[in-house]
Amino acid sequence: MSDKKLIKVQVLTTEEIVFEGEVDRITSFNEVGLFDVYPMHANFISIIEKKLHLYHQKKIVKELEFEKAVMKVKQDIVYIFLGIEVLFLDEEGQPQPPKAPAKK
């Protein structure tokens, strides 16, 4: 049995859970560039883009390509929400600001 700490990860779309499990490293890109998340990483939320690699024992266990997603890291639990670009694109695929809720 290993004493090595792991990260619990759940990757979701608006319709399904794409991945659920434990990993020892997450690699992705944000506006600053390539970054990694290891166990005991600082808590943060980031828009991620391009790719996501989930590693366990130095092997990729899941690899995903996408336009944009949200990553939330808190106390070795990571949620990654895929498909957020559809919330902000018009019919031609152009970015649109989020719509304000309708007034009652």
PDB file of N, CA and C in Angstrom:
ATOM      1  N   MET A   1       0.842  -1.190   0.000  1.00  0.00           N
ATOM      2  CA  MET A   1       0.000   0.000   0.000  1.00  0.00           C
ATOM      3  C   MET A   1       0.876   1.238   0.000  1.00  0.00           C
ATOM      4  N   SER A   2       0.549   2.201  -0.823  1.00  0.00           N
ATOM      5  CA  SER A   2       1.345   3.410  -0.973  1.00  0.00           C
ATOM      6  C   SER A   2       0.817   4.506  -0.054  1.00  0.00           C
ATOM      7  N   ASP A   3       1.746   5.290   0.525  1.00  0.00           N
ATOM      8  CA  ASP A   3       1.376   6.443   1.331  1.00  0.00           C
ATOM      9  C   ASP A   3       1.282   7.696   0.482  1.00  0.00           C
ATOM     10  N   LYS A   4       1.525   7.568  -0.807  1.00  0.00           N
ATOM     11  CA  LYS A   4       1.518   8.718  -1.704  1.00  0.00           C
ATOM     12  C   LYS A   4       0.113   9.299  -1.816  1.00  0.00           C
ATOM     13  N   LYS A   5       0.024  10.608  -1.652  1.00  0.00           N
ATOM     14  CA  LYS A   5      -1.261  11.308  -1.715  1.00  0.00           C
ATOM     15  C   LYS A   5      -1.740  11.393  -3.158  1.00  0.00           C
ATOM     16  N   LEU A   6      -3.037  11.286  -3.350  1.00  0.00           N
ATOM     17  CA  LEU A   6      -3.643  11.365  -4.680  1.00  0.00           C
ATOM     18  C   LEU A   6      -4.670  12.486  -4.717  1.00  0.00           C
ATOM     19  N   ILE A   7      -5.043  12.872  -5.935  1.00  0.00           N
ATOM     20  CA  ILE A   7      -6.056  13.889  -6.180  1.00  0.00           C
ATOM     21  C   ILE A   7      -7.312  13.175  -6.665  1.00  0.00           C
ATOM     22  N   LYS A   8      -8.439  13.478  -6.060  1.00  0.00           N
ATOM     23  CA  LYS A   8      -9.724  12.953  -6.539  1.00  0.00           C
ATOM     24  C   LYS A   8     -10.208  13.883  -7.642  1.00  0.00           C
ATOM     25  N   VAL A   9     -10.551  13.303  -8.802  1.00  0.00           N
ATOM     26  CA  VAL A   9     -10.925  14.104  -9.967  1.00  0.00           C
ATOM     27  C   VAL A   9     -12.281  13.651 -10.502  1.00  0.00           C
ATOM     28  N   GLN A  10     -13.066  14.655 -10.880  1.00  0.00           N
ATOM     29  CA  GLN A  10     -14.309  14.384 -11.589  1.00  0.00           C
ATOM     30  C   GLN A  10     -14.359  15.344 -12.774  1.00  0.00           C
ATOM     31  N   VAL A  11     -14.438  14.775 -13.992  1.00  0.00           N
ATOM     32  CA  VAL A  11     -14.548  15.560 -15.224  1.00  0.00           C
ATOM     33  C   VAL A  11     -15.974  15.376 -15.727  1.00  0.00           C
ATOM     34  N   LEU A  12     -16.679  16.524 -15.886  1.00  0.00           N
ATOM     35  CA  LEU A  12     -18.092  16.477 -16.245  1.00  0.00           C
ATOM     36  C   LEU A  12     -18.387  17.334 -17.457  1.00  0.00           C
ATOM     37  N   THR A  13     -19.387  16.906 -18.228  1.00  0.00           N
ATOM     38  CA  THR A  13     -19.985  17.761 -19.242  1.00  0.00           C
ATOM     39  C   THR A  13     -21.362  18.133 -18.703  1.00  0.00           C
ATOM     40  N   THR A  14     -22.135  18.850 -19.501  1.00  0.00           N
ATOM     41  CA  THR A  14     -23.489  19.180 -19.065  1.00  0.00           C
ATOM     42  C   THR A  14     -24.385  17.944 -19.045  1.00  0.00           C
ATOM     43  N   GLU A  15     -23.914  16.839 -19.632  1.00  0.00           N
ATOM     44  CA  GLU A  15     -24.758  15.651 -19.757  1.00  0.00           C
ATOM     45  C   GLU A  15     -24.228  14.386 -19.085  1.00  0.00           C
ATOM     46  N   GLU A  16     -22.916  14.339 -18.800  1.00  0.00           N
ATOM     47  CA  GLU A  16     -22.379  13.091 -18.267  1.00  0.00           C
ATOM     48  C   GLU A  16     -21.080  13.296 -17.495  1.00  0.00           C
ATOM     49  N   ILE A  17     -20.709  12.275 -16.735  1.00  0.00           N
ATOM     50  CA  ILE A  17     -19.400  12.232 -16.086  1.00  0.00           C
ATOM     51  C   ILE A  17     -18.451  11.548 -17.064  1.00  0.00           C
ATOM     52  N   VAL A  18     -17.419  12.256 -17.475  1.00  0.00           N
ATOM     53  CA  VAL A  18     -16.452  11.751 -18.457  1.00  0.00           C
ATOM     54  C   VAL A  18     -15.370  10.918 -17.773  1.00  0.00           C
ATOM     55  N   PHE A  19     -14.973  11.334 -16.575  1.00  0.00           N
ATOM     56  CA  PHE A  19     -13.940  10.618 -15.820  1.00  0.00           C
ATOM     57  C   PHE A  19     -14.180  10.857 -14.347  1.00  0.00           C
ATOM     58  N   GLU A  20     -13.981   9.806 -13.564  1.00  0.00           N
ATOM     59  CA  GLU A  20     -14.045   9.920 -12.118  1.00  0.00           C
ATOM     60  C   GLU A  20     -13.022   8.957 -11.551  1.00  0.00           C
ATOM     61  N   GLY A  21     -12.085   9.471 -10.768  1.00  0.00           N
ATOM     62  CA  GLY A  21     -11.054   8.609 -10.219  1.00  0.00           C
ATOM     63  C   GLY A  21      -9.990   9.403  -9.491  1.00  0.00           C
ATOM     64  N   GLU A  22      -8.888   8.729  -9.191  1.00  0.00           N
ATOM     65  CA  GLU A  22      -7.780   9.355  -8.477  1.00  0.00           C
ATOM     66  C   GLU A  22      -6.557   9.394  -9.379  1.00  0.00           C
ATOM     67  N   VAL A  23      -5.847  10.508  -9.323  1.00  0.00           N
ATOM     68  CA  VAL A  23      -4.641  10.701 -10.124  1.00  0.00           C
ATOM     69  C   VAL A  23      -3.565  11.327  -9.243  1.00  0.00           C
ATOM     70  N   ASP A  24      -2.328  11.295  -9.743  1.00  0.00           N
ATOM     71  CA  ASP A  24      -1.263  11.955  -8.993  1.00  0.00           C
ATOM     72  C   ASP A  24      -0.742  13.212  -9.686  1.00  0.00           C
ATOM     73  N   ARG A  25      -1.290  13.529 -10.880  1.00  0.00           N
ATOM     74  CA  ARG A  25      -0.914  14.767 -11.569  1.00  0.00           C
ATOM     75  C   ARG A  25      -1.965  15.104 -12.614  1.00  0.00           C
ATOM     76  N   ILE A  26      -2.227  16.402 -12.765  1.00  0.00           N
ATOM     77  CA  ILE A  26      -3.104  16.929 -13.807  1.00  0.00           C
ATOM     78  C   ILE A  26      -2.323  17.972 -14.573  1.00  0.00           C
ATOM     79  N   THR A  27      -2.350  17.897 -15.901  1.00  0.00           N
ATOM     80  CA  THR A  27      -1.667  18.881 -16.734  1.00  0.00           C
ATOM     81  C   THR A  27      -2.674  19.506 -17.687  1.00  0.00           C
ATOM     82  N   SER A  28      -2.610  20.845 -17.810  1.00  0.00           N
ATOM     83  CA  SER A  28      -3.484  21.539 -18.747  1.00  0.00           C
ATOM     84  C   SER A  28      -2.863  22.892 -19.095  1.00  0.00           C
ATOM     85  N   PHE A  29      -3.636  23.727 -19.798  1.00  0.00           N
ATOM     86  CA  PHE A  29      -3.217  25.068 -20.185  1.00  0.00           C
ATOM     87  C   PHE A  29      -4.239  26.073 -19.661  1.00  0.00           C
ATOM     88  N   ASN A  30      -3.758  27.256 -19.268  1.00  0.00           N
ATOM     89  CA  ASN A  30      -4.647  28.380 -19.002  1.00  0.00           C
ATOM     90  C   ASN A  30      -4.058  29.610 -19.676  1.00  0.00           C
ATOM     91  N   GLU A  31      -4.542  30.792 -19.351  1.00  0.00           N
ATOM     92  CA  GLU A  31      -4.071  32.003 -20.042  1.00  0.00           C
ATOM     93  C   GLU A  31      -2.586  32.273 -19.819  1.00  0.00           C
ATOM     94  N   VAL A  32      -2.003  31.724 -18.777  1.00  0.00           N
ATOM     95  CA  VAL A  32      -0.576  31.903 -18.500  1.00  0.00           C
ATOM     96  C   VAL A  32       0.267  30.890 -19.268  1.00  0.00           C
ATOM     97  N   GLY A  33      -0.297  29.710 -19.538  1.00  0.00           N
ATOM     98  CA  GLY A  33       0.427  28.666 -20.256  1.00  0.00           C
ATOM     99  C   GLY A  33       0.223  27.300 -19.625  1.00  0.00           C
ATOM    100  N   LEU A  34       1.142  26.398 -19.903  1.00  0.00           N
ATOM    101  CA  LEU A  34       1.099  25.030 -19.397  1.00  0.00           C
ATOM    102  C   LEU A  34       1.284  25.032 -17.879  1.00  0.00           C
ATOM    103  N   PHE A  35       0.491  24.209 -17.182  1.00  0.00           N
ATOM    104  CA  PHE A  35       0.651  24.097 -15.729  1.00  0.00           C
ATOM    105  C   PHE A  35       0.288  22.695 -15.275  1.00  0.00           C
ATOM    106  N   ASP A  36       0.751  22.354 -14.087  1.00  0.00           N
ATOM    107  CA  ASP A  36       0.464  21.061 -13.468  1.00  0.00           C
ATOM    108  C   ASP A  36      -0.184  21.274 -12.111  1.00  0.00           C
ATOM    109  N   VAL A  37      -1.032  20.336 -11.736  1.00  0.00           N
ATOM    110  CA  VAL A  37      -1.610  20.292 -10.399  1.00  0.00           C
ATOM    111  C   VAL A  37      -1.166  18.969  -9.786  1.00  0.00           C
ATOM    112  N   TYR A  38      -0.540  19.057  -8.616  1.00  0.00           N
ATOM    113  CA  TYR A  38      -0.108  17.890  -7.865  1.00  0.00           C
ATOM    114  C   TYR A  38      -0.881  17.848  -6.548  1.00  0.00           C
ATOM    115  N   PRO A  39      -0.822  16.715  -5.828  1.00  0.00           N
ATOM    116  CA  PRO A  39      -1.453  16.681  -4.509  1.00  0.00           C
ATOM    117  C   PRO A  39      -0.943  17.824  -3.631  1.00  0.00           C
ATOM    118  N   MET A  40      -1.828  18.346  -2.799  1.00  0.00           N
ATOM    119  CA  MET A  40      -1.559  19.456  -1.886  1.00  0.00           C
ATOM    120  C   MET A  40      -1.373  20.786  -2.629  1.00  0.00           C
ATOM    121  N   HIS A  41      -1.881  20.877  -3.854  1.00  0.00           N
ATOM    122  CA  HIS A  41      -1.825  22.115  -4.624  1.00  0.00           C
ATOM    123  C   HIS A  41      -2.691  23.171  -3.939  1.00  0.00           C
ATOM    124  N   ALA A  42      -2.360  24.422  -4.139  1.00  0.00           N
ATOM    125  CA  ALA A  42      -3.177  25.519  -3.606  1.00  0.00           C
ATOM    126  C   ALA A  42      -4.574  25.474  -4.219  1.00  0.00           C
ATOM    127  N   ASN A  43      -5.551  25.894  -3.466  1.00  0.00           N
ATOM    128  CA  ASN A  43      -6.924  25.966  -3.962  1.00  0.00           C
ATOM    129  C   ASN A  43      -7.018  27.070  -5.004  1.00  0.00           C
ATOM    130  N   PHE A  44      -7.702  26.809  -6.113  1.00  0.00           N
ATOM    131  CA  PHE A  44      -7.903  27.841  -7.129  1.00  0.00           C
ATOM    132  C   PHE A  44      -8.972  27.420  -8.113  1.00  0.00           C
ATOM    133  N   ILE A  45      -9.433  28.399  -8.882  1.00  0.00           N
ATOM    134  CA  ILE A  45     -10.359  28.160  -9.993  1.00  0.00           C
ATOM    135  C   ILE A  45      -9.745  28.812 -11.213  1.00  0.00           C
ATOM    136  N   SER A  46      -9.774  28.116 -12.366  1.00  0.00           N
ATOM    137  CA  SER A  46      -9.186  28.651 -13.587  1.00  0.00           C
ATOM    138  C   SER A  46      -9.984  28.199 -14.804  1.00  0.00           C
ATOM    139  N   ILE A  47     -10.008  29.061 -15.809  1.00  0.00           N
ATOM    140  CA  ILE A  47     -10.479  28.651 -17.129  1.00  0.00           C
ATOM    141  C   ILE A  47      -9.299  27.922 -17.771  1.00  0.00           C
ATOM    142  N   ILE A  48      -9.529  26.697 -18.207  1.00  0.00           N
ATOM    143  CA  ILE A  48      -8.469  25.954 -18.884  1.00  0.00           C
ATOM    144  C   ILE A  48      -8.860  25.772 -20.342  1.00  0.00           C
ATOM    145  N   GLU A  49      -7.861  25.466 -21.165  1.00  0.00           N
ATOM    146  CA  GLU A  49      -8.119  25.343 -22.599  1.00  0.00           C
ATOM    147  C   GLU A  49      -7.197  24.315 -23.234  1.00  0.00           C
ATOM    148  N   LYS A  50      -7.537  23.943 -24.428  1.00  0.00           N
ATOM    149  CA  LYS A  50      -6.768  23.045 -25.305  1.00  0.00           C
ATOM    150  C   LYS A  50      -6.832  21.581 -24.915  1.00  0.00           C
ATOM    151  N   LYS A  51      -6.092  21.208 -23.862  1.00  0.00           N
ATOM    152  CA  LYS A  51      -5.936  19.793 -23.513  1.00  0.00           C
ATOM    153  C   LYS A  51      -5.946  19.600 -22.007  1.00  0.00           C
ATOM    154  N   LEU A  52      -6.232  18.379 -21.638  1.00  0.00           N
ATOM    155  CA  LEU A  52      -6.176  17.962 -20.248  1.00  0.00           C
ATOM    156  C   LEU A  52      -5.571  16.569 -20.224  1.00  0.00           C
ATOM    157  N   HIS A  53      -4.548  16.392 -19.410  1.00  0.00           N
ATOM    158  CA  HIS A  53      -3.943  15.073 -19.222  1.00  0.00           C
ATOM    159  C   HIS A  53      -4.045  14.718 -17.746  1.00  0.00           C
ATOM    160  N   LEU A  54      -4.550  13.533 -17.462  1.00  0.00           N
ATOM    161  CA  LEU A  54      -4.620  13.022 -16.104  1.00  0.00           C
ATOM    162  C   LEU A  54      -3.637  11.864 -15.995  1.00  0.00           C
ATOM    163  N   TYR A  55      -2.764  11.915 -14.998  1.00  0.00           N
ATOM    164  CA  TYR A  55      -1.702  10.922 -14.841  1.00  0.00           C
ATOM    165  C   TYR A  55      -1.856  10.135 -13.550  1.00  0.00           C
ATOM    166  N   HIS A  56      -1.471   8.874 -13.615  1.00  0.00           N
ATOM    167  CA  HIS A  56      -1.334   8.044 -12.425  1.00  0.00           C
ATOM    168  C   HIS A  56      -0.107   7.179 -12.622  1.00  0.00           C
ATOM    169  N   GLN A  57       0.818   7.260 -11.692  1.00  0.00           N
ATOM    170  CA  GLN A  57       2.083   6.530 -11.751  1.00  0.00           C
ATOM    171  C   GLN A  57       2.815   6.779 -13.074  1.00  0.00           C
ATOM    172  N   LYS A  58       2.909   8.051 -13.456  1.00  0.00           N
ATOM    173  CA  LYS A  58       3.636   8.536 -14.632  1.00  0.00           C
ATOM    174  C   LYS A  58       3.039   8.097 -15.969  1.00  0.00           C
ATOM    175  N   LYS A  59       1.822   7.554 -15.953  1.00  0.00           N
ATOM    176  CA  LYS A  59       1.147   7.151 -17.191  1.00  0.00           C
ATOM    177  C   LYS A  59      -0.129   7.960 -17.352  1.00  0.00           C
ATOM    178  N   ILE A  60      -0.431   8.354 -18.597  1.00  0.00           N
ATOM    179  CA  ILE A  60      -1.675   9.072 -18.867  1.00  0.00           C
ATOM    180  C   ILE A  60      -2.835   8.089 -18.743  1.00  0.00           C
ATOM    181  N   VAL A  61      -3.782   8.424 -17.858  1.00  0.00           N
ATOM    182  CA  VAL A  61      -4.966   7.577 -17.702  1.00  0.00           C
ATOM    183  C   VAL A  61      -6.176   8.162 -18.430  1.00  0.00           C
ATOM    184  N   LYS A  62      -6.108   9.462 -18.749  1.00  0.00           N
ATOM    185  CA  LYS A  62      -7.178  10.108 -19.518  1.00  0.00           C
ATOM    186  C   LYS A  62      -6.584  11.332 -20.196  1.00  0.00           C
ATOM    187  N   GLU A  63      -6.926  11.496 -21.492  1.00  0.00           N
ATOM    188  CA  GLU A  63      -6.477  12.645 -22.276  1.00  0.00           C
ATOM    189  C   GLU A  63      -7.693  13.207 -22.999  1.00  0.00           C
ATOM    190  N   LEU A  64      -7.914  14.507 -22.839  1.00  0.00           N
ATOM    191  CA  LEU A  64      -9.065  15.146 -23.466  1.00  0.00           C
ATOM    192  C   LEU A  64      -8.627  16.403 -24.200  1.00  0.00           C
ATOM    193  N   GLU A  65      -9.269  16.678 -25.331  1.00  0.00           N
ATOM    194  CA  GLU A  65      -9.077  17.929 -26.061  1.00  0.00           C
ATOM    195  C   GLU A  65     -10.404  18.662 -26.074  1.00  0.00           C
ATOM    196  N   PHE A  66     -10.358  19.978 -25.901  1.00  0.00           N
ATOM    197  CA  PHE A  66     -11.565  20.785 -25.813  1.00  0.00           C
ATOM    198  C   PHE A  66     -11.198  22.235 -26.066  1.00  0.00           C
ATOM    199  N   GLU A  67     -12.211  23.080 -26.210  1.00  0.00           N
ATOM    200  CA  GLU A  67     -11.959  24.505 -26.413  1.00  0.00           C
ATOM    201  C   GLU A  67     -11.697  25.204 -25.079  1.00  0.00           C
ATOM    202  N   LYS A  68     -12.651  25.138 -24.172  1.00  0.00           N
ATOM    203  CA  LYS A  68     -12.507  25.764 -22.853  1.00  0.00           C
ATOM    204  C   LYS A  68     -13.232  24.917 -21.814  1.00  0.00           C
ATOM    205  N   ALA A  69     -12.744  25.024 -20.580  1.00  0.00           N
ATOM    206  CA  ALA A  69     -13.361  24.331 -19.455  1.00  0.00           C
ATOM    207  C   ALA A  69     -13.051  25.123 -18.191  1.00  0.00           C
ATOM    208  N   VAL A  70     -13.705  24.753 -17.116  1.00  0.00           N
ATOM    209  CA  VAL A  70     -13.430  25.358 -15.814  1.00  0.00           C
ATOM    210  C   VAL A  70     -12.845  24.276 -14.916  1.00  0.00           C
ATOM    211  N   MET A  71     -11.748  24.615 -14.229  1.00  0.00           N
ATOM    212  CA  MET A  71     -11.136  23.697 -13.276  1.00  0.00           C
ATOM    213  C   MET A  71     -11.227  24.323 -11.885  1.00  0.00           C
ATOM    214  N   LYS A  72     -11.754  23.551 -10.943  1.00  0.00           N
ATOM    215  CA  LYS A  72     -11.829  23.987  -9.553  1.00  0.00           C
ATOM    216  C   LYS A  72     -11.013  23.014  -8.717  1.00  0.00           C
ATOM    217  N   VAL A  73     -10.016  23.530  -8.006  1.00  0.00           N
ATOM    218  CA  VAL A  73      -9.149  22.721  -7.156  1.00  0.00           C
ATOM    219  C   VAL A  73      -9.373  23.156  -5.713  1.00  0.00           C
ATOM    220  N   LYS A  74      -9.738  22.204  -4.858  1.00  0.00           N
ATOM    221  CA  LYS A  74      -9.915  22.508  -3.436  1.00  0.00           C
ATOM    222  C   LYS A  74      -9.593  21.272  -2.616  1.00  0.00           C
ATOM    223  N   GLN A  75      -8.545  21.370  -1.824  1.00  0.00           N
ATOM    224  CA  GLN A  75      -8.140  20.326  -0.889  1.00  0.00           C
ATOM    225  C   GLN A  75      -8.061  18.944  -1.537  1.00  0.00           C
ATOM    226  N   ASP A  76      -7.289  18.854  -2.613  1.00  0.00           N
ATOM    227  CA  ASP A  76      -7.051  17.595  -3.324  1.00  0.00           C
ATOM    228  C   ASP A  76      -8.307  16.976  -3.951  1.00  0.00           C
ATOM    229  N   ILE A  77      -9.316  17.812  -4.178  1.00  0.00           N
ATOM    230  CA  ILE A  77     -10.491  17.407  -4.952  1.00  0.00           C
ATOM    231  C   ILE A  77     -10.608  18.374  -6.117  1.00  0.00           C
ATOM    232  N   VAL A  78     -10.675  17.834  -7.336  1.00  0.00           N
ATOM    233  CA  VAL A  78     -10.698  18.667  -8.540  1.00  0.00           C
ATOM    234  C   VAL A  78     -11.938  18.341  -9.351  1.00  0.00           C
ATOM    235  N   TYR A  79     -12.647  19.406  -9.709  1.00  0.00           N
ATOM    236  CA  TYR A  79     -13.787  19.295 -10.621  1.00  0.00           C
ATOM    237  C   TYR A  79     -13.416  20.019 -11.899  1.00  0.00           C
ATOM    238  N   ILE A  80     -13.650  19.383 -13.035  1.00  0.00           N
ATOM    239  CA  ILE A  80     -13.387  19.990 -14.334  1.00  0.00           C
ATOM    240  C   ILE A  80     -14.700  19.933 -15.115  1.00  0.00           C
ATOM    241  N   PHE A  81     -15.180  21.121 -15.487  1.00  0.00           N
ATOM    242  CA  PHE A  81     -16.457  21.249 -16.186  1.00  0.00           C
ATOM    243  C   PHE A  81     -16.191  21.555 -17.650  1.00  0.00           C
ATOM    244  N   LEU A  82     -16.457  20.586 -18.529  1.00  0.00           N
ATOM    245  CA  LEU A  82     -16.240  20.739 -19.969  1.00  0.00           C
ATOM    246  C   LEU A  82     -17.490  21.290 -20.632  1.00  0.00           C
ATOM    247  N   GLY A  83     -17.296  21.875 -21.823  1.00  0.00           N
ATOM    248  CA  GLY A  83     -18.436  22.310 -22.614  1.00  0.00           C
ATOM    249  C   GLY A  83     -18.928  23.700 -22.291  1.00  0.00           C
ATOM    250  N   ILE A  84     -18.148  24.476 -21.553  1.00  0.00           N
ATOM    251  CA  ILE A  84     -18.621  25.816 -21.201  1.00  0.00           C
ATOM    252  C   ILE A  84     -18.670  26.751 -22.397  1.00  0.00           C
ATOM    253  N   GLU A  85     -17.912  26.440 -23.463  1.00  0.00           N
ATOM    254  CA  GLU A  85     -17.912  27.334 -24.625  1.00  0.00           C
ATOM    255  C   GLU A  85     -19.293  27.425 -25.266  1.00  0.00           C
ATOM    256  N   VAL A  86     -20.099  26.395 -25.169  1.00  0.00           N
ATOM    257  CA  VAL A  86     -21.433  26.454 -25.767  1.00  0.00           C
ATOM    258  C   VAL A  86     -22.340  27.431 -25.034  1.00  0.00           C
ATOM    259  N   LEU A  87     -21.988  27.778 -23.828  1.00  0.00           N
ATOM    260  CA  LEU A  87     -22.788  28.739 -23.080  1.00  0.00           C
ATOM    261  C   LEU A  87     -22.564  30.166 -23.560  1.00  0.00           C
ATOM    262  N   PHE A  88     -21.462  30.405 -24.291  1.00  0.00           N
ATOM    263  CA  PHE A  88     -21.078  31.763 -24.643  1.00  0.00           C
ATOM    264  C   PHE A  88     -20.897  31.988 -26.138  1.00  0.00           C
ATOM    265  N   LEU A  89     -21.357  31.078 -26.991  1.00  0.00           N
ATOM    266  CA  LEU A  89     -21.202  31.228 -28.429  1.00  0.00           C
ATOM    267  C   LEU A  89     -22.558  31.429 -29.093  1.00  0.00           C
ATOM    268  N   ASP A  90     -22.569  32.278 -30.131  1.00  0.00           N
ATOM    269  CA  ASP A  90     -23.810  32.446 -30.894  1.00  0.00           C
ATOM    270  C   ASP A  90     -23.884  31.365 -31.968  1.00  0.00           C
ATOM    271  N   GLU A  91     -24.869  31.445 -32.852  1.00  0.00           N
ATOM    272  CA  GLU A  91     -25.080  30.416 -33.866  1.00  0.00           C
ATOM    273  C   GLU A  91     -23.890  30.274 -34.819  1.00  0.00           C
ATOM    274  N   GLU A  92     -23.122  31.326 -35.013  1.00  0.00           N
ATOM    275  CA  GLU A  92     -21.957  31.269 -35.905  1.00  0.00           C
ATOM    276  C   GLU A  92     -20.682  30.883 -35.158  1.00  0.00           C
ATOM    277  N   GLY A  93     -20.797  30.586 -33.869  1.00  0.00           N
ATOM    278  CA  GLY A  93     -19.623  30.202 -33.102  1.00  0.00           C
ATOM    279  C   GLY A  93     -18.820  31.381 -32.581  1.00  0.00           C
ATOM    280  N   GLN A  94     -19.403  32.573 -32.608  1.00  0.00           N
ATOM    281  CA  GLN A  94     -18.710  33.765 -32.121  1.00  0.00           C
ATOM    282  C   GLN A  94     -18.995  33.959 -30.631  1.00  0.00           C
ATOM    283  N   PRO A  95     -17.982  34.379 -29.872  1.00  0.00           N
ATOM    284  CA  PRO A  95     -18.190  34.589 -28.434  1.00  0.00           C
ATOM    285  C   PRO A  95     -19.247  35.652 -28.167  1.00  0.00           C
ATOM    286  N   GLN A  96     -20.055  35.385 -27.158  1.00  0.00           N
ATOM    287  CA  GLN A  96     -21.092  36.320 -26.727  1.00  0.00           C
ATOM    288  C   GLN A  96     -21.008  36.469 -25.215  1.00  0.00           C
ATOM    289  N   PRO A  97     -21.287  37.662 -24.704  1.00  0.00           N
ATOM    290  CA  PRO A  97     -21.302  37.810 -23.245  1.00  0.00           C
ATOM    291  C   PRO A  97     -22.474  37.029 -22.659  1.00  0.00           C
ATOM    292  N   PRO A  98     -22.346  36.588 -21.427  1.00  0.00           N
ATOM    293  CA  PRO A  98     -23.467  35.877 -20.788  1.00  0.00           C
ATOM    294  C   PRO A  98     -24.693  36.787 -20.724  1.00  0.00           C
ATOM    295  N   LYS A  99     -25.859  36.210 -20.877  1.00  0.00           N
ATOM    296  CA  LYS A  99     -27.105  36.976 -20.835  1.00  0.00           C
ATOM    297  C   LYS A  99     -27.521  37.207 -19.389  1.00  0.00           C
ATOM    298  N   ALA A 100     -28.024  38.388 -19.145  1.00  0.00           N
ATOM    299  CA  ALA A 100     -28.533  38.706 -17.815  1.00  0.00           C
ATOM    300  C   ALA A 100     -29.828  37.944 -17.601  1.00  0.00           C
ATOM    301  N   PRO A 101     -30.079  37.539 -16.370  1.00  0.00           N
ATOM    302  CA  PRO A 101     -31.340  36.827 -16.106  1.00  0.00           C
ATOM    303  C   PRO A 101     -32.531  37.743 -16.377  1.00  0.00           C
ATOM    304  N   ALA A 102     -33.634  37.158 -16.810  1.00  0.00           N
ATOM    305  CA  ALA A 102     -34.847  37.927 -17.090  1.00  0.00           C
ATOM    306  C   ALA A 102     -35.397  38.517 -15.803  1.00  0.00           C
ATOM    307  N   LYS A 103     -35.849  39.762 -15.886  1.00  0.00           N
ATOM    308  CA  LYS A 103     -36.440  40.425 -14.723  1.00  0.00           C
ATOM    309  C   LYS A 103     -37.877  39.960 -14.542  1.00  0.00           C
ATOM    310  N   LYS A 104     -38.247  39.808 -13.296  1.00  0.00           N
ATOM    311  CA  LYS A 104     -39.616  39.346 -12.980  1.00  0.00           C
ATOM    312  C   LYS A 104     -40.508  40.526 -12.690  1.00  0.00           C
TER     313      LYS A 104
END
